[in-house]
């Protein structure tokens, strides 16, 4: 799979809000971004993989929705996560 267990734990540790946090909005955005980056690299090699490209578009849409939710509810966290993940808005 795209995201290894160790990389996943690193992202969770970096973006967690409290000790047992594994599914907050920030963590979900970070994990989706990692998968999106992996698939983007995948398409540089496999240009005709149209089925995976459909999945990529779904991931981008899901991340966009989570970012809009975060922007609406906590603008400071939204700005911080954009900066840390290197996303542009």
N, C-alpha and C. Protein backbone atom coordinates (compact mmCIF):
# COMPACT_ATOMS: atom_id res chain seq x y z
N UNK A 1 0.84 -1.18 0.00
CA UNK A 1 0.00 0.00 0.00
C UNK A 1 0.88 1.24 0.00
N UNK A 2 0.29 2.35 -0.19
CA UNK A 2 1.01 3.59 -0.37
C UNK A 2 1.66 4.09 0.93
N UNK A 3 0.93 4.10 2.01
CA UNK A 3 1.43 4.65 3.26
C UNK A 3 1.84 3.50 4.18
N UNK A 4 3.11 3.45 4.56
CA UNK A 4 3.57 2.40 5.45
C UNK A 4 3.10 2.68 6.87
N UNK A 5 3.13 1.66 7.71
CA UNK A 5 2.68 1.81 9.09
C UNK A 5 3.53 2.81 9.85
N UNK A 6 4.83 2.79 9.62
CA UNK A 6 5.70 3.72 10.34
C UNK A 6 5.43 5.17 9.93
N UNK A 7 5.22 5.39 8.63
CA UNK A 7 4.93 6.74 8.15
C UNK A 7 3.57 7.21 8.69
N UNK A 8 2.62 6.30 8.76
CA UNK A 8 1.30 6.62 9.29
C UNK A 8 1.40 7.03 10.76
N UNK A 9 2.19 6.29 11.54
CA UNK A 9 2.37 6.63 12.95
C UNK A 9 3.06 7.97 13.12
N UNK A 10 4.03 8.28 12.25
CA UNK A 10 4.70 9.57 12.29
C UNK A 10 3.71 10.71 12.06
N UNK A 11 2.85 10.55 11.07
CA UNK A 11 1.87 11.59 10.77
C UNK A 11 0.86 11.75 11.90
N UNK A 12 0.43 10.63 12.49
CA UNK A 12 -0.52 10.70 13.60
C UNK A 12 0.13 11.39 14.79
N UNK A 13 1.39 11.07 15.10
CA UNK A 13 2.08 11.71 16.21
C UNK A 13 2.27 13.21 15.97
N UNK A 14 2.48 13.58 14.74
CA UNK A 14 2.72 14.99 14.42
C UNK A 14 1.45 15.83 14.53
N UNK A 15 0.31 15.28 14.12
CA UNK A 15 -0.91 16.07 14.03
C UNK A 15 -1.96 15.76 15.10
N UNK A 16 -1.66 14.86 16.04
CA UNK A 16 -2.69 14.50 17.02
C UNK A 16 -2.96 15.65 17.99
N UNK A 17 -4.21 15.71 18.43
CA UNK A 17 -4.64 16.78 19.33
C UNK A 17 -4.48 16.35 20.78
N UNK A 18 -4.82 15.11 21.08
CA UNK A 18 -4.65 14.57 22.43
C UNK A 18 -4.02 13.19 22.32
N UNK A 19 -3.76 12.54 23.42
CA UNK A 19 -2.97 11.32 23.47
C UNK A 19 -3.55 10.17 22.64
N UNK A 20 -4.85 9.95 22.70
CA UNK A 20 -5.47 8.82 22.00
C UNK A 20 -6.10 9.21 20.67
N UNK A 21 -5.72 10.33 20.11
CA UNK A 21 -6.32 10.84 18.88
C UNK A 21 -5.77 10.09 17.67
N UNK A 22 -6.69 9.49 16.89
CA UNK A 22 -6.26 8.83 15.65
C UNK A 22 -7.12 9.22 14.45
N UNK A 23 -8.16 10.03 14.66
CA UNK A 23 -9.05 10.31 13.56
C UNK A 23 -9.52 11.74 13.45
N UNK A 24 -8.79 12.68 14.03
CA UNK A 24 -9.21 14.08 13.94
C UNK A 24 -9.07 14.56 12.50
N UNK A 25 -9.65 15.69 12.23
CA UNK A 25 -9.66 16.24 10.87
C UNK A 25 -8.23 16.46 10.36
N UNK A 26 -7.36 16.96 11.22
CA UNK A 26 -5.98 17.22 10.81
C UNK A 26 -5.26 15.94 10.40
N UNK A 27 -5.46 14.88 11.16
CA UNK A 27 -4.82 13.60 10.84
C UNK A 27 -5.37 13.04 9.54
N UNK A 28 -6.68 13.13 9.34
CA UNK A 28 -7.27 12.63 8.11
C UNK A 28 -6.73 13.38 6.90
N UNK A 29 -6.58 14.70 7.02
CA UNK A 29 -6.05 15.49 5.91
C UNK A 29 -4.60 15.10 5.64
N UNK A 30 -3.81 14.90 6.67
CA UNK A 30 -2.40 14.52 6.50
C UNK A 30 -2.27 13.16 5.82
N UNK A 31 -3.09 12.20 6.23
CA UNK A 31 -3.03 10.86 5.62
C UNK A 31 -3.50 10.88 4.17
N UNK A 32 -4.55 11.64 3.89
CA UNK A 32 -5.01 11.77 2.50
C UNK A 32 -3.95 12.43 1.63
N UNK A 33 -3.28 13.45 2.17
CA UNK A 33 -2.23 14.13 1.42
C UNK A 33 -1.09 13.18 1.10
N UNK A 34 -0.75 12.32 2.04
CA UNK A 34 0.32 11.33 1.80
C UNK A 34 -0.07 10.38 0.68
N UNK A 35 -1.31 9.90 0.69
CA UNK A 35 -1.77 9.00 -0.37
C UNK A 35 -1.84 9.71 -1.72
N UNK A 36 -2.28 10.95 -1.72
CA UNK A 36 -2.36 11.73 -2.96
C UNK A 36 -0.97 11.93 -3.55
N UNK A 37 0.00 12.24 -2.70
CA UNK A 37 1.38 12.41 -3.19
C UNK A 37 1.93 11.12 -3.77
N UNK A 38 1.61 9.99 -3.12
CA UNK A 38 2.07 8.71 -3.64
C UNK A 38 1.47 8.43 -5.01
N UNK A 39 0.16 8.64 -5.15
CA UNK A 39 -0.48 8.38 -6.43
C UNK A 39 0.00 9.32 -7.52
N UNK A 40 0.32 10.55 -7.16
CA UNK A 40 0.85 11.49 -8.15
C UNK A 40 2.18 10.98 -8.70
N UNK A 41 3.03 10.46 -7.84
CA UNK A 41 4.29 9.87 -8.30
C UNK A 41 4.03 8.62 -9.14
N UNK A 42 3.03 7.84 -8.76
CA UNK A 42 2.67 6.62 -9.48
C UNK A 42 2.29 6.94 -10.93
N UNK A 43 1.57 8.05 -11.12
CA UNK A 43 1.11 8.40 -12.47
C UNK A 43 2.22 8.93 -13.36
N UNK A 44 3.35 9.30 -12.79
CA UNK A 44 4.48 9.71 -13.62
C UNK A 44 5.05 8.51 -14.37
N UNK A 45 4.90 7.33 -13.78
CA UNK A 45 5.39 6.10 -14.40
C UNK A 45 4.28 5.42 -15.21
N UNK A 46 3.09 5.31 -14.62
CA UNK A 46 1.97 4.60 -15.23
C UNK A 46 0.94 5.62 -15.73
N UNK A 47 1.17 6.14 -16.89
CA UNK A 47 0.34 7.23 -17.42
C UNK A 47 -1.07 6.80 -17.78
N UNK A 48 -1.29 5.54 -18.11
CA UNK A 48 -2.60 5.09 -18.56
C UNK A 48 -3.41 4.35 -17.50
N UNK A 49 -3.06 4.53 -16.25
CA UNK A 49 -3.78 3.87 -15.16
C UNK A 49 -5.01 4.71 -14.79
N UNK A 50 -6.05 4.59 -15.61
CA UNK A 50 -7.22 5.45 -15.48
C UNK A 50 -8.08 5.10 -14.26
N UNK A 51 -8.11 3.84 -13.87
CA UNK A 51 -8.91 3.45 -12.71
C UNK A 51 -8.35 4.07 -11.43
N UNK A 52 -7.05 4.08 -11.29
CA UNK A 52 -6.45 4.69 -10.12
C UNK A 52 -6.61 6.21 -10.16
N UNK A 53 -6.65 6.76 -11.34
CA UNK A 53 -6.84 8.20 -11.48
C UNK A 53 -8.22 8.61 -10.95
N UNK A 54 -9.21 7.75 -11.16
CA UNK A 54 -10.55 8.01 -10.61
C UNK A 54 -10.49 8.02 -9.09
N UNK A 55 -9.78 7.06 -8.52
CA UNK A 55 -9.61 7.01 -7.07
C UNK A 55 -8.89 8.23 -6.54
N UNK A 56 -7.92 8.72 -7.30
CA UNK A 56 -7.19 9.92 -6.89
C UNK A 56 -8.14 11.11 -6.83
N UNK A 57 -9.01 11.24 -7.81
CA UNK A 57 -9.95 12.36 -7.82
C UNK A 57 -10.90 12.29 -6.62
N UNK A 58 -11.28 11.08 -6.21
CA UNK A 58 -12.12 10.93 -5.02
C UNK A 58 -11.37 11.35 -3.77
N UNK A 59 -10.09 10.98 -3.68
CA UNK A 59 -9.29 11.37 -2.53
C UNK A 59 -9.12 12.88 -2.45
N UNK A 60 -8.90 13.52 -3.60
CA UNK A 60 -8.74 14.97 -3.64
C UNK A 60 -10.03 15.65 -3.19
N UNK A 61 -11.16 15.13 -3.64
CA UNK A 61 -12.45 15.69 -3.23
C UNK A 61 -12.71 15.54 -1.75
N UNK A 62 -12.35 14.38 -1.20
CA UNK A 62 -12.53 14.15 0.23
C UNK A 62 -11.66 15.10 1.04
N UNK A 63 -10.39 15.28 0.60
CA UNK A 63 -9.49 16.19 1.30
C UNK A 63 -10.00 17.63 1.22
N UNK A 64 -10.51 18.00 0.06
CA UNK A 64 -11.04 19.35 -0.12
C UNK A 64 -12.20 19.60 0.84
N UNK A 65 -13.08 18.62 1.00
CA UNK A 65 -14.19 18.76 1.92
C UNK A 65 -13.73 18.90 3.37
N UNK A 66 -12.74 18.12 3.76
CA UNK A 66 -12.21 18.22 5.12
C UNK A 66 -11.53 19.57 5.35
N UNK A 67 -10.83 20.06 4.33
CA UNK A 67 -10.19 21.38 4.45
C UNK A 67 -11.23 22.49 4.58
N UNK A 68 -12.32 22.39 3.85
CA UNK A 68 -13.39 23.39 3.95
C UNK A 68 -14.02 23.35 5.35
N UNK A 69 -14.23 22.15 5.88
CA UNK A 69 -14.77 22.00 7.22
C UNK A 69 -13.84 22.65 8.25
N UNK A 70 -12.55 22.38 8.14
CA UNK A 70 -11.59 22.94 9.07
C UNK A 70 -11.51 24.45 8.94
N UNK A 71 -11.57 24.94 7.72
CA UNK A 71 -11.52 26.39 7.48
C UNK A 71 -12.71 27.09 8.13
N UNK A 72 -13.88 26.45 8.06
CA UNK A 72 -15.09 27.04 8.61
C UNK A 72 -15.09 27.01 10.14
N UNK A 73 -14.55 25.96 10.74
CA UNK A 73 -14.65 25.77 12.18
C UNK A 73 -13.44 26.26 12.97
N UNK A 74 -12.24 26.18 12.40
CA UNK A 74 -11.06 26.61 13.13
C UNK A 74 -10.02 27.11 12.12
N UNK A 75 -10.05 28.40 11.83
CA UNK A 75 -9.22 28.96 10.77
C UNK A 75 -7.73 28.87 11.10
N UNK A 76 -7.36 28.99 12.36
CA UNK A 76 -5.94 28.92 12.73
C UNK A 76 -5.36 27.54 12.45
N UNK A 77 -6.09 26.49 12.79
CA UNK A 77 -5.64 25.12 12.49
C UNK A 77 -5.57 24.90 11.00
N UNK A 78 -6.51 25.49 10.26
CA UNK A 78 -6.53 25.38 8.80
C UNK A 78 -5.26 25.98 8.21
N UNK A 79 -4.89 27.18 8.64
CA UNK A 79 -3.68 27.83 8.12
C UNK A 79 -2.42 27.03 8.49
N UNK A 80 -2.40 26.50 9.72
CA UNK A 80 -1.24 25.75 10.18
C UNK A 80 -1.04 24.47 9.37
N UNK A 81 -2.13 23.75 9.10
CA UNK A 81 -2.00 22.49 8.37
C UNK A 81 -1.64 22.73 6.91
N UNK A 82 -2.14 23.82 6.33
CA UNK A 82 -1.74 24.16 4.96
C UNK A 82 -0.24 24.40 4.89
N UNK A 83 0.27 25.12 5.87
CA UNK A 83 1.70 25.44 5.89
C UNK A 83 2.55 24.18 6.11
N UNK A 84 2.15 23.34 7.06
CA UNK A 84 2.95 22.16 7.39
C UNK A 84 2.94 21.11 6.30
N UNK A 85 1.82 20.99 5.57
CA UNK A 85 1.75 19.99 4.51
C UNK A 85 2.19 20.55 3.16
N UNK A 86 2.42 21.85 3.08
CA UNK A 86 2.86 22.45 1.83
C UNK A 86 1.76 22.55 0.80
N UNK A 87 0.52 22.70 1.26
CA UNK A 87 -0.61 22.84 0.34
C UNK A 87 -0.81 24.31 0.03
N UNK A 88 -1.35 24.60 -1.12
CA UNK A 88 -1.60 26.00 -1.47
C UNK A 88 -3.08 26.25 -1.58
N UNK A 89 -3.48 27.38 -1.13
CA UNK A 89 -4.88 27.81 -1.20
C UNK A 89 -4.94 29.29 -1.45
